[in-house]
Amino acid sequence: MKKFFFFAVMAISSMSAEAQVNIQLHYDLGRNINSASEPNRPKLTSTVEMFKPDRLGSTFFFVDMDYYSDGVAGAYWEISREFTFAKPAESSTFAAHIEYDGGLTNNKYAEKNSAYATSRFQQCFLLGPAWNWHNKDFSKTFSFQLMYKQYLKQKAQYNGAGDYKAIASFQATAVWSTTFAHGWCTFSGFADLWYGYTPRFDAAKGEQKKGLVFLTEPQFWLNIPATKGFSVGTEWEFSNDFVWVTTPEGKKTKTFMWNPTIAAKYVF
């Protein structure tokens, strides 16, 4: 998943109340770096993001699509709505945040006629307060969200132990962006910490284990002003108990993963 929030653009767009859209294409190096645990990780991911402010707050969504060489491997999306009555010029504001997350995978490497060739994941609703901050020229932005997270019932992904139960949880999210070097460079990203299902399986109980999951995806972009919207850069995904890996029989499941990408982006 590529969950990138371009808050610098968001902040500027809130002044003009115009929708902002960007498209990203990432070449994922995870399969090369983690060849033993992620031999079938898709190499390409596209991301489409949209942010639209209005007089009551803002709407944001992104859609990620992963690709095998013969087509789409899966999709994931998040859509959120924030309600605030603060003026755009205020540097520090509180908002009510509502969000839905959900995804679908298509594993072409699964056994023929396997019930787990396709699976749904991360189906949940989130609700909670958000604190948003920016400096005077919007070159630096920060957001923090602390949310109640309600997982929906979903089908087990790999082990065949039955459906995962709906569970109540929480998620803390931090999002940042800083643009410097006269607009040529942007360092941005997010960090999530939540409680939910993990890649670990409890054979004694016959169910998937639950625990804390961490995910962060810092990005660095080299912006090219002459193109009026084109950037090249990289994203480094760090995670723990997030990636569902392929593990040889008898081997301990690897929990910490690093998956960098080489990327291009265009902001409309």
C-alpha atoms as a PDB file:
ATOM      1  CA  MET A   1       0.000   0.000   0.000  1.00  0.00           C
ATOM      2  CA  LYS A   2       1.103   3.544  -0.777  1.00  0.00           C
ATOM      3  CA  LYS A   3      -0.642   5.892   1.596  1.00  0.00           C
ATOM      4  CA  PHE A   4       0.797   9.339   0.837  1.00  0.00           C
ATOM      5  CA  PHE A   5      -0.817  12.576   2.042  1.00  0.00           C
ATOM      6  CA  PHE A   6       0.339  15.728   0.207  1.00  0.00           C
ATOM      7  CA  PHE A   7      -0.546  18.148   3.011  1.00  0.00           C
ATOM      8  CA  ALA A   8       1.406  21.061   1.622  1.00  0.00           C
ATOM      9  CA  VAL A   9      -0.779  20.984  -1.474  1.00  0.00           C
ATOM     10  CA  MET A  10      -3.825  20.428   0.710  1.00  0.00           C
ATOM     11  CA  ALA A  11      -3.131  23.475   2.810  1.00  0.00           C
ATOM     12  CA  ILE A  12      -2.635  25.721  -0.205  1.00  0.00           C
ATOM     13  CA  SER A  13      -5.761  24.364  -1.896  1.00  0.00           C
ATOM     14  CA  SER A  14      -7.801  25.126   1.228  1.00  0.00           C
ATOM     15  CA  MET A  15      -7.203  28.804   0.539  1.00  0.00           C
ATOM     16  CA  SER A  16      -8.685  28.575  -2.939  1.00  0.00           C
ATOM     17  CA  ALA A  17     -11.287  25.833  -2.252  1.00  0.00           C
ATOM     18  CA  GLU A  18     -10.207  23.974  -5.385  1.00  0.00           C
ATOM     19  CA  ALA A  19      -9.802  20.201  -5.638  1.00  0.00           C
ATOM     20  CA  GLN A  20      -6.244  18.929  -5.976  1.00  0.00           C
ATOM     21  CA  VAL A  21      -5.426  15.629  -7.697  1.00  0.00           C
ATOM     22  CA  ASN A  22      -2.141  13.795  -8.196  1.00  0.00           C
ATOM     23  CA  ILE A  23      -1.121  10.526  -9.831  1.00  0.00           C
ATOM     24  CA  GLN A  24       1.922   8.495  -8.762  1.00  0.00           C
ATOM     25  CA  LEU A  25       3.669   5.482 -10.272  1.00  0.00           C
ATOM     26  CA  HIS A  26       5.993   3.447  -8.023  1.00  0.00           C
ATOM     27  CA  TYR A  27       8.486   0.775  -9.052  1.00  0.00           C
ATOM     28  CA  ASP A  28       8.727  -1.419  -5.955  1.00  0.00           C
ATOM     29  CA  LEU A  29      12.102  -2.950  -5.023  1.00  0.00           C
ATOM     30  CA  GLY A  30      10.701  -5.082  -2.201  1.00  0.00           C
ATOM     31  CA  ARG A  31      10.764  -8.318  -4.171  1.00  0.00           C
ATOM     32  CA  ASN A  32      14.494  -7.860  -4.798  1.00  0.00           C
ATOM     33  CA  ILE A  33      15.368  -6.888  -1.230  1.00  0.00           C
ATOM     34  CA  ASN A  34      13.148  -9.445   0.507  1.00  0.00           C
ATOM     35  CA  SER A  35      13.367 -12.244  -2.051  1.00  0.00           C
ATOM     36  CA  ALA A  36      12.877 -15.022   0.521  1.00  0.00           C
ATOM     37  CA  SER A  37       9.844 -13.564   2.294  1.00  0.00           C
ATOM     38  CA  GLU A  38       8.184 -11.606  -0.552  1.00  0.00           C
ATOM     39  CA  PRO A  39       9.069 -13.447  -3.767  1.00  0.00           C
ATOM     40  CA  ASN A  40       5.716 -12.587  -5.413  1.00  0.00           C
ATOM     41  CA  ARG A  41       5.413  -8.949  -4.343  1.00  0.00           C
ATOM     42  CA  PRO A  42       4.062  -6.849  -7.269  1.00  0.00           C
ATOM     43  CA  LYS A  43       6.650  -4.532  -8.783  1.00  0.00           C
ATOM     44  CA  LEU A  44       4.358  -1.696  -9.884  1.00  0.00           C
ATOM     45  CA  THR A  45       1.872   0.384  -7.905  1.00  0.00           C
ATOM     46  CA  SER A  46      -0.180   3.340  -9.108  1.00  0.00           C
ATOM     47  CA  THR A  47      -1.748   5.862  -6.733  1.00  0.00           C
ATOM     48  CA  VAL A  48      -4.473   8.418  -7.412  1.00  0.00           C
ATOM     49  CA  GLU A  49      -5.192  11.021  -4.707  1.00  0.00           C
ATOM     50  CA  MET A  50      -7.795  13.758  -4.423  1.00  0.00           C
ATOM     51  CA  PHE A  51      -8.283  16.482  -1.810  1.00  0.00           C
ATOM     52  CA  LYS A  52     -11.263  18.871  -1.881  1.00  0.00           C
ATOM     53  CA  PRO A  53     -11.829  21.565   0.770  1.00  0.00           C
ATOM     54  CA  ASP A  54     -15.157  23.286   1.369  1.00  0.00           C
ATOM     55  CA  ARG A  55     -16.725  25.635   3.912  1.00  0.00           C
ATOM     56  CA  LEU A  56     -17.362  22.809   6.408  1.00  0.00           C
ATOM     57  CA  GLY A  57     -14.043  20.976   6.145  1.00  0.00           C
ATOM     58  CA  SER A  58     -12.493  18.716   3.525  1.00  0.00           C
ATOM     59  CA  THR A  59     -12.740  15.377   1.709  1.00  0.00           C
ATOM     60  CA  PHE A  60      -9.735  13.214   0.876  1.00  0.00           C
ATOM     61  CA  PHE A  61      -9.306   9.844  -0.822  1.00  0.00           C
ATOM     62  CA  PHE A  62      -6.633   7.763  -2.488  1.00  0.00           C
ATOM     63  CA  VAL A  63      -6.723   4.539  -4.500  1.00  0.00           C
ATOM     64  CA  ASP A  64      -3.718   2.218  -4.815  1.00  0.00           C
ATOM     65  CA  MET A  65      -3.529  -0.469  -7.489  1.00  0.00           C
ATOM     66  CA  ASP A  66      -0.777  -3.115  -7.607  1.00  0.00           C
ATOM     67  CA  TYR A  67       0.152  -4.793 -10.886  1.00  0.00           C
ATOM     68  CA  TYR A  68       1.548  -8.143 -11.989  1.00  0.00           C
ATOM     69  CA  SER A  69       3.013  -8.386 -15.485  1.00  0.00           C
ATOM     70  CA  ASP A  70      -0.337  -9.702 -16.750  1.00  0.00           C
ATOM     71  CA  GLY A  71      -2.648  -7.236 -15.015  1.00  0.00           C
ATOM     72  CA  VAL A  72      -3.958  -5.839 -11.741  1.00  0.00           C
ATOM     73  CA  ALA A  73      -2.932  -7.754  -8.603  1.00  0.00           C
ATOM     74  CA  GLY A  74      -5.052  -5.844  -6.103  1.00  0.00           C
ATOM     75  CA  ALA A  75      -6.490  -2.526  -5.006  1.00  0.00           C
ATOM     76  CA  TYR A  76      -6.794  -0.573  -1.776  1.00  0.00           C
ATOM     77  CA  TRP A  77      -8.499   2.705  -0.983  1.00  0.00           C
ATOM     78  CA  GLU A  78      -9.138   5.095   1.869  1.00  0.00           C
ATOM     79  CA  ILE A  79     -11.684   7.878   1.925  1.00  0.00           C
ATOM     80  CA  SER A  80     -12.006  10.390   4.741  1.00  0.00           C
ATOM     81  CA  ARG A  81     -14.029  13.427   5.660  1.00  0.00           C
ATOM     82  CA  GLU A  82     -13.082  16.138   8.147  1.00  0.00           C
ATOM     83  CA  PHE A  83     -15.491  18.665   9.638  1.00  0.00           C
ATOM     84  CA  THR A  84     -14.089  21.943  10.932  1.00  0.00           C
ATOM     85  CA  PHE A  85     -15.382  25.490  11.226  1.00  0.00           C
ATOM     86  CA  ALA A  86     -11.932  27.052  11.458  1.00  0.00           C
ATOM     87  CA  LYS A  87     -10.801  29.642   8.958  1.00  0.00           C
ATOM     88  CA  PRO A  88      -8.130  28.463   6.430  1.00  0.00           C
ATOM     89  CA  ALA A  89      -5.731  31.161   7.631  1.00  0.00           C
ATOM     90  CA  GLU A  90      -5.635  29.719  11.168  1.00  0.00           C
ATOM     91  CA  SER A  91      -2.356  27.874  11.678  1.00  0.00           C
ATOM     92  CA  SER A  92      -3.682  25.363  14.210  1.00  0.00           C
ATOM     93  CA  THR A  93      -7.128  23.751  14.046  1.00  0.00           C
ATOM     94  CA  PHE A  94      -9.080  20.799  15.404  1.00  0.00           C
ATOM     95  CA  ALA A  95     -11.435  18.704  13.275  1.00  0.00           C
ATOM     96  CA  ALA A  96     -13.705  15.659  13.453  1.00  0.00           C
ATOM     97  CA  HIS A  97     -12.293  12.881  11.250  1.00  0.00           C
ATOM     98  CA  ILE A  98     -14.360  10.056   9.677  1.00  0.00           C
ATOM     99  CA  GLU A  99     -12.720   7.410   7.471  1.00  0.00           C
ATOM    100  CA  TYR A 100     -13.283   4.114   5.635  1.00  0.00           C
ATOM    101  CA  ASP A 101     -10.466   1.745   4.574  1.00  0.00           C
ATOM    102  CA  GLY A 102     -10.709  -1.380   2.431  1.00  0.00           C
ATOM    103  CA  GLY A 103      -8.816  -3.532  -0.052  1.00  0.00           C
ATOM    104  CA  LEU A 104      -8.896  -6.585  -2.290  1.00  0.00           C
ATOM    105  CA  THR A 105      -6.061  -8.840  -3.475  1.00  0.00           C
ATOM    106  CA  ASN A 106      -5.833 -11.349  -6.310  1.00  0.00           C
ATOM    107  CA  ASN A 107      -3.039 -13.847  -5.688  1.00  0.00           C
ATOM    108  CA  LYS A 108      -2.207 -15.523  -9.001  1.00  0.00           C
ATOM    109  CA  TYR A 109       0.405 -17.656  -7.213  1.00  0.00           C
ATOM    110  CA  ALA A 110      -2.169 -19.360  -4.960  1.00  0.00           C
ATOM    111  CA  GLU A 111      -2.947 -23.038  -5.524  1.00  0.00           C
ATOM    112  CA  LYS A 112      -5.438 -23.758  -8.270  1.00  0.00           C
ATOM    113  CA  ASN A 113      -9.061 -23.436  -7.103  1.00  0.00           C
ATOM    114  CA  SER A 114      -7.844 -22.174  -3.726  1.00  0.00           C
ATOM    115  CA  ALA A 115     -10.429 -20.278  -1.688  1.00  0.00           C
ATOM    116  CA  TYR A 116      -7.697 -17.801  -0.832  1.00  0.00           C
ATOM    117  CA  ALA A 117      -6.681 -16.808  -4.347  1.00  0.00           C
ATOM    118  CA  THR A 118      -8.626 -13.626  -3.627  1.00  0.00           C
ATOM    119  CA  SER A 119      -9.092 -11.969  -0.262  1.00  0.00           C
ATOM    120  CA  ARG A 120     -10.379  -8.801   1.349  1.00  0.00           C
ATOM    121  CA  PHE A 121      -8.349  -6.921   3.919  1.00  0.00           C
ATOM    122  CA  GLN A 122      -8.338  -3.900   6.219  1.00  0.00           C
ATOM    123  CA  GLN A 123     -12.104  -3.428   6.009  1.00  0.00           C
ATOM    124  CA  CYS A 124     -12.788  -0.871   8.747  1.00  0.00           C
ATOM    125  CA  PHE A 125     -14.366   2.418   9.787  1.00  0.00           C
ATOM    126  CA  LEU A 126     -12.525   5.051  11.824  1.00  0.00           C
ATOM    127  CA  LEU A 127     -13.750   8.026  13.819  1.00  0.00           C
ATOM    128  CA  GLY A 128     -11.940  10.523  16.036  1.00  0.00           C
ATOM    129  CA  PRO A 129     -10.397  13.969  16.491  1.00  0.00           C
ATOM    130  CA  ALA A 130      -7.661  15.442  14.283  1.00  0.00           C
ATOM    131  CA  TRP A 131      -5.255  18.283  14.960  1.00  0.00           C
ATOM    132  CA  ASN A 132      -3.871  20.082  11.901  1.00  0.00           C
ATOM    133  CA  TRP A 133      -1.039  22.645  11.805  1.00  0.00           C
ATOM    134  CA  HIS A 134       0.801  24.666   9.139  1.00  0.00           C
ATOM    135  CA  ASN A 135       3.295  27.519   9.128  1.00  0.00           C
ATOM    136  CA  LYS A 136       2.602  30.918   7.541  1.00  0.00           C
ATOM    137  CA  ASP A 137       3.514  30.017   3.955  1.00  0.00           C
ATOM    138  CA  PHE A 138       2.243  26.396   4.162  1.00  0.00           C
ATOM    139  CA  SER A 139       5.714  25.029   3.383  1.00  0.00           C
ATOM    140  CA  LYS A 140       5.514  22.956   6.586  1.00  0.00           C
ATOM    141  CA  THR A 141       2.417  21.032   7.670  1.00  0.00           C
ATOM    142  CA  PHE A 142       1.570  18.443  10.295  1.00  0.00           C
ATOM    143  CA  SER A 143      -1.525  16.468  11.254  1.00  0.00           C
ATOM    144  CA  PHE A 144      -2.242  14.048  14.094  1.00  0.00           C
ATOM    145  CA  GLN A 145      -5.311  11.819  14.325  1.00  0.00           C
ATOM    146  CA  LEU A 146      -6.375   9.574  17.218  1.00  0.00           C
ATOM    147  CA  MET A 147      -9.258   7.354  16.160  1.00  0.00           C
ATOM    148  CA  TYR A 148     -11.562   4.582  17.233  1.00  0.00           C
ATOM    149  CA  LYS A 149     -11.227   1.792  14.644  1.00  0.00           C
ATOM    150  CA  GLN A 150     -13.951  -0.766  13.968  1.00  0.00           C
ATOM    151  CA  TYR A 151     -12.888  -3.782  11.911  1.00  0.00           C
ATOM    152  CA  LEU A 152     -15.586  -5.543   9.915  1.00  0.00           C
ATOM    153  CA  LYS A 153     -15.865  -9.318   9.682  1.00  0.00           C
ATOM    154  CA  GLN A 154     -13.737 -10.648   6.844  1.00  0.00           C
ATOM    155  CA  LYS A 155     -12.552 -13.872   5.290  1.00  0.00           C
ATOM    156  CA  ALA A 156      -9.253 -15.366   6.470  1.00  0.00           C
ATOM    157  CA  GLN A 157      -6.466 -14.601   4.026  1.00  0.00           C
ATOM    158  CA  TYR A 158      -4.197 -17.633   4.056  1.00  0.00           C
ATOM    159  CA  ASN A 159      -4.592 -20.169   6.845  1.00  0.00           C
ATOM    160  CA  GLY A 160      -8.124 -21.464   6.239  1.00  0.00           C
ATOM    161  CA  ALA A 161      -9.094 -21.147   9.912  1.00  0.00           C
ATOM    162  CA  GLY A 162     -12.377 -19.415   9.147  1.00  0.00           C
ATOM    163  CA  ASP A 163     -13.513 -15.813   9.064  1.00  0.00           C
ATOM    164  CA  TYR A 164     -11.866 -13.075  11.111  1.00  0.00           C
ATOM    165  CA  LYS A 165     -14.257 -11.630  13.663  1.00  0.00           C
ATOM    166  CA  ALA A 166     -15.232  -7.973  13.770  1.00  0.00           C
ATOM    167  CA  ILE A 167     -13.149  -6.280  16.464  1.00  0.00           C
ATOM    168  CA  ALA A 168     -12.999  -2.868  18.120  1.00  0.00           C
ATOM    169  CA  SER A 169      -9.591  -1.223  17.933  1.00  0.00           C
ATOM    170  CA  PHE A 170      -7.754   2.102  17.705  1.00  0.00           C
ATOM    171  CA  GLN A 171      -5.354   3.881  15.345  1.00  0.00           C
ATOM    172  CA  ALA A 172      -2.978   6.809  15.788  1.00  0.00           C
ATOM    173  CA  THR A 173      -1.785   8.579  12.631  1.00  0.00           C
ATOM    174  CA  ALA A 174       0.792  11.318  12.118  1.00  0.00           C
ATOM    175  CA  VAL A 175       1.212  13.043   8.736  1.00  0.00           C
ATOM    176  CA  TRP A 176       3.874  15.589   7.782  1.00  0.00           C
ATOM    177  CA  SER A 177       5.181  17.569   4.815  1.00  0.00           C
ATOM    178  CA  THR A 178       7.988  20.081   4.417  1.00  0.00           C
ATOM    179  CA  THR A 179       8.991  21.794   1.166  1.00  0.00           C
ATOM    180  CA  PHE A 180      12.410  23.464   0.976  1.00  0.00           C
ATOM    181  CA  ALA A 181      15.242  24.503  -1.380  1.00  0.00           C
ATOM    182  CA  HIS A 182      13.030  27.160  -3.025  1.00  0.00           C
ATOM    183  CA  GLY A 183      10.330  24.603  -3.759  1.00  0.00           C
ATOM    184  CA  TRP A 184      12.613  22.053  -5.389  1.00  0.00           C
ATOM    185  CA  CYS A 185      12.417  19.428  -2.623  1.00  0.00           C
ATOM    186  CA  THR A 186       9.590  17.945  -0.556  1.00  0.00           C
ATOM    187  CA  PHE A 187       9.930  15.509   2.341  1.00  0.00           C
ATOM    188  CA  SER A 188       6.592  14.081   3.422  1.00  0.00           C
ATOM    189  CA  GLY A 189       4.892  10.966   4.664  1.00  0.00           C
ATOM    190  CA  PHE A 190       2.858   9.362   7.401  1.00  0.00           C
ATOM    191  CA  ALA A 191       3.167   6.950  10.328  1.00  0.00           C
ATOM    192  CA  ASP A 192       0.362   4.656  11.531  1.00  0.00           C
ATOM    193  CA  LEU A 193       0.116   2.590  14.706  1.00  0.00           C
ATOM    194  CA  TRP A 194      -2.938   0.401  15.219  1.00  0.00           C
ATOM    195  CA  TYR A 195      -4.202  -2.759  16.899  1.00  0.00           C
ATOM    196  CA  GLY A 196      -5.468  -5.547  14.653  1.00  0.00           C
ATOM    197  CA  TYR A 197      -4.789  -8.893  13.023  1.00  0.00           C
ATOM    198  CA  THR A 198      -1.128  -9.716  12.386  1.00  0.00           C
ATOM    199  CA  PRO A 199       0.672 -12.218  10.099  1.00  0.00           C
ATOM    200  CA  ARG A 200       1.158 -14.533  13.100  1.00  0.00           C
ATOM    201  CA  PHE A 201      -1.050 -17.619  13.485  1.00  0.00           C
ATOM    202  CA  ASP A 202      -1.879 -19.292  16.817  1.00  0.00           C
ATOM    203  CA  ALA A 203      -2.034 -23.000  15.938  1.00  0.00           C
ATOM    204  CA  ALA A 204      -3.159 -23.990  19.447  1.00  0.00           C
ATOM    205  CA  LYS A 205      -6.227 -21.748  19.292  1.00  0.00           C
ATOM    206  CA  GLY A 206      -6.697 -22.134  15.541  1.00  0.00           C
ATOM    207  CA  GLU A 207      -6.969 -18.408  14.965  1.00  0.00           C
ATOM    208  CA  GLN A 208      -4.985 -15.436  13.727  1.00  0.00           C
ATOM    209  CA  LYS A 209      -3.105 -13.487  16.395  1.00  0.00           C
ATOM    210  CA  LYS A 210      -3.857  -9.853  17.123  1.00  0.00           C
ATOM    211  CA  GLY A 211      -1.393  -7.165  18.175  1.00  0.00           C
ATOM    212  CA  LEU A 212       0.122  -3.773  17.441  1.00  0.00           C
ATOM    213  CA  VAL A 213       0.932  -3.022  13.790  1.00  0.00           C
ATOM    214  CA  PHE A 214       3.258  -0.230  12.670  1.00  0.00           C
ATOM    215  CA  LEU A 215       3.572   1.279   9.199  1.00  0.00           C
ATOM    216  CA  THR A 216       5.372   4.383   7.953  1.00  0.00           C
ATOM    217  CA  GLU A 217       6.043   5.565   4.395  1.00  0.00           C
ATOM    218  CA  PRO A 218       8.310   8.622   4.201  1.00  0.00           C
ATOM    219  CA  GLN A 219       8.720  10.063   0.722  1.00  0.00           C
ATOM    220  CA  PHE A 220      11.266  12.410  -0.828  1.00  0.00           C
ATOM    221  CA  TRP A 221      10.391  14.281  -4.020  1.00  0.00           C
ATOM    222  CA  LEU A 222      12.504  16.374  -6.378  1.00  0.00           C
ATOM    223  CA  ASN A 223      10.036  18.871  -7.841  1.00  0.00           C
ATOM    224  CA  ILE A 224      10.665  20.262 -11.312  1.00  0.00           C
ATOM    225  CA  PRO A 225       9.060  23.746 -11.466  1.00  0.00           C
ATOM    226  CA  ALA A 226       9.397  24.074 -15.242  1.00  0.00           C
ATOM    227  CA  THR A 227       7.003  21.134 -15.708  1.00  0.00           C
ATOM    228  CA  LYS A 228       4.354  22.731 -13.453  1.00  0.00           C
ATOM    229  CA  GLY A 229       3.509  19.585 -11.508  1.00  0.00           C
ATOM    230  CA  PHE A 230       5.994  16.788 -12.284  1.00  0.00           C
ATOM    231  CA  SER A 231       8.210  15.253  -9.577  1.00  0.00           C
ATOM    232  CA  VAL A 232      10.536  12.273  -9.265  1.00  0.00           C
ATOM    233  CA  GLY A 233      11.461  10.647  -5.992  1.00  0.00           C
ATOM    234  CA  THR A 234      11.362   7.653  -3.716  1.00  0.00           C
ATOM    235  CA  GLU A 235       9.212   6.121  -0.996  1.00  0.00           C
ATOM    236  CA  TRP A 236      10.572   3.931   1.805  1.00  0.00           C
ATOM    237  CA  GLU A 237       8.008   1.680   3.447  1.00  0.00           C
ATOM    238  CA  PHE A 238       8.988   0.490   6.939  1.00  0.00           C
ATOM    239  CA  SER A 239       6.597  -1.830   8.744  1.00  0.00           C
ATOM    240  CA  ASN A 240       6.304  -4.315  11.560  1.00  0.00           C
ATOM    241  CA  ASP A 241       3.651  -7.065  11.672  1.00  0.00           C
ATOM    242  CA  PHE A 242       2.043  -5.555   8.565  1.00  0.00           C
ATOM    243  CA  VAL A 243       3.249  -7.533   5.525  1.00  0.00           C
ATOM    244  CA  TRP A 244       1.853 -11.055   5.088  1.00  0.00           C
ATOM    245  CA  VAL A 245       4.965 -12.897   3.970  1.00  0.00           C
ATOM    246  CA  THR A 246       5.822 -16.257   2.456  1.00  0.00           C
ATOM    247  CA  THR A 247       7.765 -18.206   5.088  1.00  0.00           C
ATOM    248  CA  PRO A 248       9.492 -21.595   4.531  1.00  0.00           C
ATOM    249  CA  GLU A 249       8.189 -24.459   6.689  1.00  0.00           C
ATOM    250  CA  GLY A 250       9.582 -24.313  10.208  1.00  0.00           C
ATOM    251  CA  LYS A 251      11.013 -20.820   9.806  1.00  0.00           C
ATOM    252  CA  LYS A 252      10.043 -17.933  12.102  1.00  0.00           C
ATOM    253  CA  THR A 253       7.887 -15.282  10.432  1.00  0.00           C
ATOM    254  CA  LYS A 254       9.808 -12.101   9.680  1.00  0.00           C
ATOM    255  CA  THR A 255       7.966  -9.110  11.109  1.00  0.00           C
ATOM    256  CA  PHE A 256      10.025  -6.021  10.237  1.00  0.00           C
ATOM    257  CA  MET A 257      10.126  -5.143   6.538  1.00  0.00           C
ATOM    258  CA  TRP A 258      11.738  -2.440   4.376  1.00  0.00           C
ATOM    259  CA  ASN A 259      10.308  -1.910   0.887  1.00  0.00           C
ATOM    260  CA  PRO A 260      11.656   1.110  -1.032  1.00  0.00           C
ATOM    261  CA  THR A 261      10.397   2.381  -4.370  1.00  0.00           C
ATOM    262  CA  ILE A 262      11.492   4.599  -7.258  1.00  0.00           C
ATOM    263  CA  ALA A 263       8.618   6.917  -8.168  1.00  0.00           C
ATOM    264  CA  ALA A 264       7.230   9.644 -10.376  1.00  0.00           C
ATOM    265  CA  LYS A 265       4.320  11.975  -9.595  1.00  0.00           C
ATOM    266  CA  TYR A 266       2.230  14.522 -11.451  1.00  0.00           C
ATOM    267  CA  VAL A 267       0.032  17.067  -9.642  1.00  0.00           C
ATOM    268  CA  PHE A 268      -2.869  18.456 -11.676  1.00  0.00           C
END
